[in-house]
Amino acid sequence: MKIKFLQHIRIMGVTKLNRKTRKNYARANNKVARIKQLLLKPDVKNVDVEAIKASFAEKKAQAAA
């Protein structure tokens, strides 16, 4: 009886450690995926500031009219 009880505890301990390992790997993978998602913003290049200012001026003129 006592031997079966000890074997059961050993099996349960391994199961718990495997589950914890899977959880730790999942946490690490989720962290990496989250960082990659945050870094997916496209670079803004060759922005024509004068064109943007002109578009705001046009919108302002249309709103005033």
C-alpha atoms as a PDB file:
ATOM      1  CA  MET A   1       0.000   0.000   0.000  1.00  0.00           C
ATOM      2  CA  LYS A   2       2.723   2.448   0.949  1.00  0.00           C
ATOM      3  CA  ILE A   3       4.784   1.720  -2.193  1.00  0.00           C
ATOM      4  CA  LYS A   4       1.812   2.433  -4.487  1.00  0.00           C
ATOM      5  CA  PHE A   5       1.196   5.695  -2.619  1.00  0.00           C
ATOM      6  CA  LEU A   6       4.800   6.804  -3.146  1.00  0.00           C
ATOM      7  CA  GLN A   7       4.662   5.891  -6.841  1.00  0.00           C
ATOM      8  CA  HIS A   8       1.470   7.922  -7.202  1.00  0.00           C
ATOM      9  CA  ILE A   9       3.121  10.959  -5.628  1.00  0.00           C
ATOM     10  CA  ARG A  10       6.136  10.632  -7.923  1.00  0.00           C
ATOM     11  CA  ILE A  11       3.922  10.476 -11.014  1.00  0.00           C
ATOM     12  CA  MET A  12       1.874  13.446  -9.868  1.00  0.00           C
ATOM     13  CA  GLY A  13       5.038  15.457  -9.225  1.00  0.00           C
ATOM     14  CA  VAL A  14       6.357  14.845 -12.736  1.00  0.00           C
ATOM     15  CA  THR A  15       2.979  15.743 -14.205  1.00  0.00           C
ATOM     16  CA  LYS A  16       2.940  18.990 -12.274  1.00  0.00           C
ATOM     17  CA  LEU A  17       6.468  19.874 -13.383  1.00  0.00           C
ATOM     18  CA  ASN A  18       5.645  19.139 -17.027  1.00  0.00           C
ATOM     19  CA  ARG A  19       2.579  21.334 -16.797  1.00  0.00           C
ATOM     20  CA  LYS A  20       4.647  24.108 -15.213  1.00  0.00           C
ATOM     21  CA  THR A  21       7.253  23.788 -17.951  1.00  0.00           C
ATOM     22  CA  ARG A  22       4.595  24.093 -20.666  1.00  0.00           C
ATOM     23  CA  LYS A  23       3.162  27.125 -18.900  1.00  0.00           C
ATOM     24  CA  ASN A  24       6.582  28.776 -18.666  1.00  0.00           C
ATOM     25  CA  TYR A  25       7.262  28.153 -22.361  1.00  0.00           C
ATOM     26  CA  ALA A  26       3.842  29.575 -23.239  1.00  0.00           C
ATOM     27  CA  ARG A  27       4.530  32.691 -21.155  1.00  0.00           C
ATOM     28  CA  ALA A  28       7.858  33.237 -22.899  1.00  0.00           C
ATOM     29  CA  ASN A  29       6.345  32.703 -26.352  1.00  0.00           C
ATOM     30  CA  ASN A  30       3.475  35.067 -25.584  1.00  0.00           C
ATOM     31  CA  LYS A  31       5.939  37.719 -24.423  1.00  0.00           C
ATOM     32  CA  VAL A  32       7.969  37.429 -27.624  1.00  0.00           C
ATOM     33  CA  ALA A  33       4.811  37.538 -29.756  1.00  0.00           C
ATOM     34  CA  ARG A  34       3.577  40.627 -27.894  1.00  0.00           C
ATOM     35  CA  ILE A  35       6.898  42.419 -28.442  1.00  0.00           C
ATOM     36  CA  LYS A  36       6.887  41.508 -32.138  1.00  0.00           C
ATOM     37  CA  GLN A  37       3.325  42.790 -32.480  1.00  0.00           C
ATOM     38  CA  LEU A  38       4.259  46.097 -30.856  1.00  0.00           C
ATOM     39  CA  LEU A  39       7.202  46.486 -33.222  1.00  0.00           C
ATOM     40  CA  LEU A  40       5.077  45.905 -36.350  1.00  0.00           C
ATOM     41  CA  LYS A  41       4.352  49.619 -36.811  1.00  0.00           C
ATOM     42  CA  PRO A  42       5.456  50.698 -40.284  1.00  0.00           C
ATOM     43  CA  ASP A  43       8.131  53.353 -40.561  1.00  0.00           C
ATOM     44  CA  VAL A  44       6.910  56.778 -41.640  1.00  0.00           C
ATOM     45  CA  LYS A  45       9.184  58.025 -44.364  1.00  0.00           C
ATOM     46  CA  ASN A  46       9.131  60.850 -46.903  1.00  0.00           C
ATOM     47  CA  VAL A  47       6.336  62.784 -45.208  1.00  0.00           C
ATOM     48  CA  ASP A  48       5.367  66.028 -46.965  1.00  0.00           C
ATOM     49  CA  VAL A  49       4.701  68.336 -44.015  1.00  0.00           C
ATOM     50  CA  GLU A  50       3.562  71.218 -46.217  1.00  0.00           C
ATOM     51  CA  ALA A  51       0.911  69.039 -47.876  1.00  0.00           C
ATOM     52  CA  ILE A  52      -0.404  67.986 -44.477  1.00  0.00           C
ATOM     53  CA  LYS A  53      -0.567  71.605 -43.305  1.00  0.00           C
ATOM     54  CA  ALA A  54      -2.412  72.552 -46.493  1.00  0.00           C
ATOM     55  CA  SER A  55      -4.961  69.773 -45.972  1.00  0.00           C
ATOM     56  CA  PHE A  56      -5.632  71.031 -42.425  1.00  0.00           C
ATOM     57  CA  ALA A  57      -6.047  74.562 -43.749  1.00  0.00           C
ATOM     58  CA  GLU A  58      -8.554  73.300 -46.348  1.00  0.00           C
ATOM     59  CA  LYS A  59     -10.549  71.442 -43.699  1.00  0.00           C
ATOM     60  CA  LYS A  60     -10.551  74.528 -41.475  1.00  0.00           C
ATOM     61  CA  ALA A  61     -11.753  76.703 -44.389  1.00  0.00           C
ATOM     62  CA  GLN A  62     -14.528  74.225 -45.211  1.00  0.00           C
ATOM     63  CA  ALA A  63     -15.647  74.104 -41.575  1.00  0.00           C
ATOM     64  CA  ALA A  64     -15.757  77.925 -41.355  1.00  0.00           C
ATOM     65  CA  ALA A  65     -17.842  78.234 -44.531  1.00  0.00           C
END
